[in-house]
């Protein structure tokens, strides 16, 4: 069995995509529902992308984004 080691470091050059998704979420003015999916084959970086996006939210508490707990 192969080990899956996700990372918060951008070894796969996802930076622009992380920025784009982050901006889309934060700039949602009308509070309308939003969803997006991450798909790819095993080992393509889905978990690393998600960790990088989370790191972006954790590091930008002044962005105006407020996490909602439903």
N, C-alpha and C. Protein backbone atom coordinates (compact mmCIF):
# COMPACT_ATOMS: atom_id res chain seq x y z
N UNK A 1 0.84 -1.18 0.00
CA UNK A 1 0.00 0.00 0.00
C UNK A 1 0.88 1.24 0.00
N UNK A 2 0.56 2.18 -0.87
CA UNK A 2 1.30 3.44 -0.94
C UNK A 2 0.85 4.38 0.16
N UNK A 3 1.76 5.16 0.65
CA UNK A 3 1.43 6.16 1.66
C UNK A 3 1.03 7.45 0.96
N UNK A 4 0.04 8.10 1.52
CA UNK A 4 -0.42 9.38 0.99
C UNK A 4 0.01 10.46 1.97
N UNK A 5 0.89 11.32 1.55
CA UNK A 5 1.42 12.36 2.44
C UNK A 5 1.04 13.71 1.86
N UNK A 6 -0.05 14.29 2.39
CA UNK A 6 -0.44 15.60 1.90
C UNK A 6 0.43 16.67 2.55
N UNK A 7 0.47 17.84 1.92
CA UNK A 7 1.34 18.91 2.41
C UNK A 7 0.66 20.26 2.25
N UNK A 8 1.07 21.20 3.10
CA UNK A 8 0.61 22.58 2.96
C UNK A 8 1.57 23.37 2.07
N UNK A 9 2.72 22.80 1.75
CA UNK A 9 3.68 23.46 0.88
C UNK A 9 3.27 23.25 -0.57
N UNK A 10 3.49 24.25 -1.39
CA UNK A 10 3.00 24.24 -2.77
C UNK A 10 4.01 23.59 -3.73
N UNK A 11 4.20 22.30 -3.59
CA UNK A 11 5.11 21.57 -4.48
C UNK A 11 4.50 21.34 -5.87
N UNK A 12 3.20 21.45 -6.00
CA UNK A 12 2.52 21.16 -7.27
C UNK A 12 2.04 22.42 -7.99
N UNK A 13 2.49 23.57 -7.53
CA UNK A 13 2.14 24.86 -8.15
C UNK A 13 0.63 25.10 -8.21
N UNK A 14 -0.03 24.87 -7.09
CA UNK A 14 -1.46 25.12 -6.98
C UNK A 14 -1.76 26.54 -6.52
N UNK A 15 -0.75 27.35 -6.31
CA UNK A 15 -0.92 28.68 -5.72
C UNK A 15 -1.97 29.54 -6.40
N UNK A 16 -1.93 29.62 -7.73
CA UNK A 16 -2.91 30.44 -8.44
C UNK A 16 -4.32 29.89 -8.29
N UNK A 17 -4.45 28.59 -8.30
CA UNK A 17 -5.77 27.98 -8.14
C UNK A 17 -6.30 28.19 -6.72
N UNK A 18 -5.44 28.03 -5.73
CA UNK A 18 -5.84 28.29 -4.34
C UNK A 18 -6.29 29.74 -4.20
N UNK A 19 -5.53 30.67 -4.77
CA UNK A 19 -5.90 32.09 -4.71
C UNK A 19 -7.25 32.34 -5.37
N UNK A 20 -7.48 31.71 -6.50
CA UNK A 20 -8.73 31.90 -7.23
C UNK A 20 -9.93 31.38 -6.45
N UNK A 21 -9.81 30.20 -5.90
CA UNK A 21 -10.91 29.63 -5.10
C UNK A 21 -11.13 30.45 -3.85
N UNK A 22 -10.06 30.84 -3.19
CA UNK A 22 -10.16 31.67 -1.98
C UNK A 22 -10.90 32.98 -2.30
N UNK A 23 -10.48 33.66 -3.37
CA UNK A 23 -11.12 34.92 -3.74
C UNK A 23 -12.59 34.74 -4.08
N UNK A 24 -12.92 33.65 -4.75
CA UNK A 24 -14.31 33.37 -5.10
C UNK A 24 -15.16 33.21 -3.84
N UNK A 25 -14.64 32.53 -2.86
CA UNK A 25 -15.38 32.31 -1.61
C UNK A 25 -15.51 33.61 -0.82
N UNK A 26 -14.42 34.34 -0.68
CA UNK A 26 -14.42 35.55 0.14
C UNK A 26 -15.25 36.67 -0.50
N UNK A 27 -15.24 36.77 -1.81
CA UNK A 27 -15.92 37.86 -2.49
C UNK A 27 -17.39 37.56 -2.78
N UNK A 28 -17.93 36.60 -2.13
CA UNK A 28 -19.33 36.23 -2.33
C UNK A 28 -20.20 37.20 -1.54
N UNK A 29 -20.65 38.26 -2.20
CA UNK A 29 -21.34 39.36 -1.53
C UNK A 29 -22.77 39.03 -1.11
N UNK A 30 -23.49 38.30 -1.91
CA UNK A 30 -24.90 38.10 -1.63
C UNK A 30 -25.18 36.89 -0.74
N UNK A 31 -24.15 36.25 -0.26
CA UNK A 31 -24.28 35.12 0.66
C UNK A 31 -25.07 33.96 0.04
N UNK A 32 -25.04 33.87 -1.29
CA UNK A 32 -25.72 32.78 -1.99
C UNK A 32 -24.94 31.47 -1.78
N UNK A 33 -25.62 30.35 -1.86
CA UNK A 33 -24.92 29.07 -1.71
C UNK A 33 -23.83 28.91 -2.76
N UNK A 34 -22.76 28.28 -2.38
CA UNK A 34 -21.62 28.08 -3.27
C UNK A 34 -21.04 26.70 -3.01
N UNK A 35 -20.71 26.01 -4.06
CA UNK A 35 -20.03 24.73 -3.89
C UNK A 35 -19.01 24.56 -5.01
N UNK A 36 -17.98 23.83 -4.73
CA UNK A 36 -17.01 23.47 -5.75
C UNK A 36 -16.47 22.10 -5.39
N UNK A 37 -15.94 21.42 -6.37
CA UNK A 37 -15.44 20.07 -6.15
C UNK A 37 -13.97 19.97 -6.51
N UNK A 38 -13.32 19.03 -5.90
CA UNK A 38 -11.92 18.73 -6.20
C UNK A 38 -11.90 17.29 -6.68
N UNK A 39 -11.53 17.11 -7.94
CA UNK A 39 -11.48 15.74 -8.45
C UNK A 39 -10.13 15.49 -9.12
N UNK A 40 -9.74 14.26 -9.11
CA UNK A 40 -8.47 13.88 -9.72
C UNK A 40 -8.14 12.46 -9.33
N UNK A 41 -7.20 11.90 -10.00
CA UNK A 41 -6.79 10.53 -9.69
C UNK A 41 -6.01 10.50 -8.37
N UNK A 42 -5.80 9.30 -7.88
CA UNK A 42 -5.07 9.12 -6.64
C UNK A 42 -3.67 9.71 -6.80
N UNK A 43 -3.28 10.51 -5.83
CA UNK A 43 -1.94 11.09 -5.84
C UNK A 43 -1.80 12.36 -6.65
N UNK A 44 -2.90 12.91 -7.14
CA UNK A 44 -2.81 14.11 -7.97
C UNK A 44 -2.75 15.40 -7.16
N UNK A 45 -2.95 15.33 -5.84
CA UNK A 45 -2.79 16.51 -4.99
C UNK A 45 -4.07 17.09 -4.43
N UNK A 46 -5.15 16.33 -4.45
CA UNK A 46 -6.44 16.84 -3.95
C UNK A 46 -6.35 17.25 -2.49
N UNK A 47 -5.80 16.39 -1.66
CA UNK A 47 -5.69 16.69 -0.23
C UNK A 47 -4.72 17.84 0.03
N UNK A 48 -3.65 17.90 -0.73
CA UNK A 48 -2.69 19.00 -0.58
C UNK A 48 -3.34 20.32 -0.96
N UNK A 49 -4.13 20.32 -2.03
CA UNK A 49 -4.86 21.53 -2.43
C UNK A 49 -5.77 21.99 -1.30
N UNK A 50 -6.53 21.06 -0.73
CA UNK A 50 -7.45 21.40 0.35
C UNK A 50 -6.70 21.94 1.56
N UNK A 51 -5.56 21.36 1.88
CA UNK A 51 -4.76 21.86 3.01
C UNK A 51 -4.22 23.26 2.73
N UNK A 52 -3.81 23.51 1.49
CA UNK A 52 -3.31 24.84 1.14
C UNK A 52 -4.41 25.88 1.21
N UNK A 53 -5.62 25.51 0.79
CA UNK A 53 -6.75 26.43 0.87
C UNK A 53 -7.09 26.72 2.33
N UNK A 54 -7.09 25.71 3.17
CA UNK A 54 -7.34 25.92 4.60
C UNK A 54 -6.27 26.82 5.21
N UNK A 55 -5.02 26.59 4.83
CA UNK A 55 -3.92 27.43 5.34
C UNK A 55 -4.14 28.88 4.93
N UNK A 56 -4.64 29.10 3.72
CA UNK A 56 -4.90 30.45 3.24
C UNK A 56 -5.98 31.12 4.09
N UNK A 57 -7.04 30.40 4.42
CA UNK A 57 -8.08 30.96 5.28
C UNK A 57 -7.57 31.20 6.69
N UNK A 58 -6.80 30.27 7.22
CA UNK A 58 -6.26 30.44 8.57
C UNK A 58 -5.31 31.62 8.68
N UNK A 59 -4.60 31.92 7.59
CA UNK A 59 -3.62 33.00 7.61
C UNK A 59 -4.19 34.35 7.24
N UNK A 60 -5.46 34.42 6.87
CA UNK A 60 -6.07 35.68 6.43
C UNK A 60 -7.32 35.99 7.22
N UNK A 61 -7.18 36.10 8.52
CA UNK A 61 -8.34 36.37 9.36
C UNK A 61 -8.88 37.77 9.14
N UNK A 62 -8.09 38.65 8.52
CA UNK A 62 -8.53 40.03 8.28
C UNK A 62 -9.19 40.19 6.91
N UNK A 63 -9.51 39.10 6.24
CA UNK A 63 -10.06 39.17 4.88
C UNK A 63 -11.53 39.55 4.84
N UNK A 64 -12.18 39.58 5.98
CA UNK A 64 -13.60 39.86 6.00
C UNK A 64 -14.42 38.59 5.96
N UNK A 65 -13.78 37.48 5.73
CA UNK A 65 -14.48 36.19 5.72
C UNK A 65 -14.77 35.78 7.15
N UNK A 66 -16.01 35.41 7.40
CA UNK A 66 -16.38 34.94 8.73
C UNK A 66 -16.94 33.53 8.59
N UNK A 67 -16.32 32.63 9.28
CA UNK A 67 -16.77 31.24 9.21
C UNK A 67 -18.12 31.13 9.88
N UNK A 68 -19.01 30.41 9.22
CA UNK A 68 -20.36 30.21 9.76
C UNK A 68 -20.47 28.78 10.24
N UNK A 69 -21.02 28.64 11.40
CA UNK A 69 -21.25 27.31 11.96
C UNK A 69 -22.72 26.98 11.87
N UNK A 70 -23.05 26.02 11.05
CA UNK A 70 -24.45 25.64 10.86
C UNK A 70 -24.75 24.39 11.64
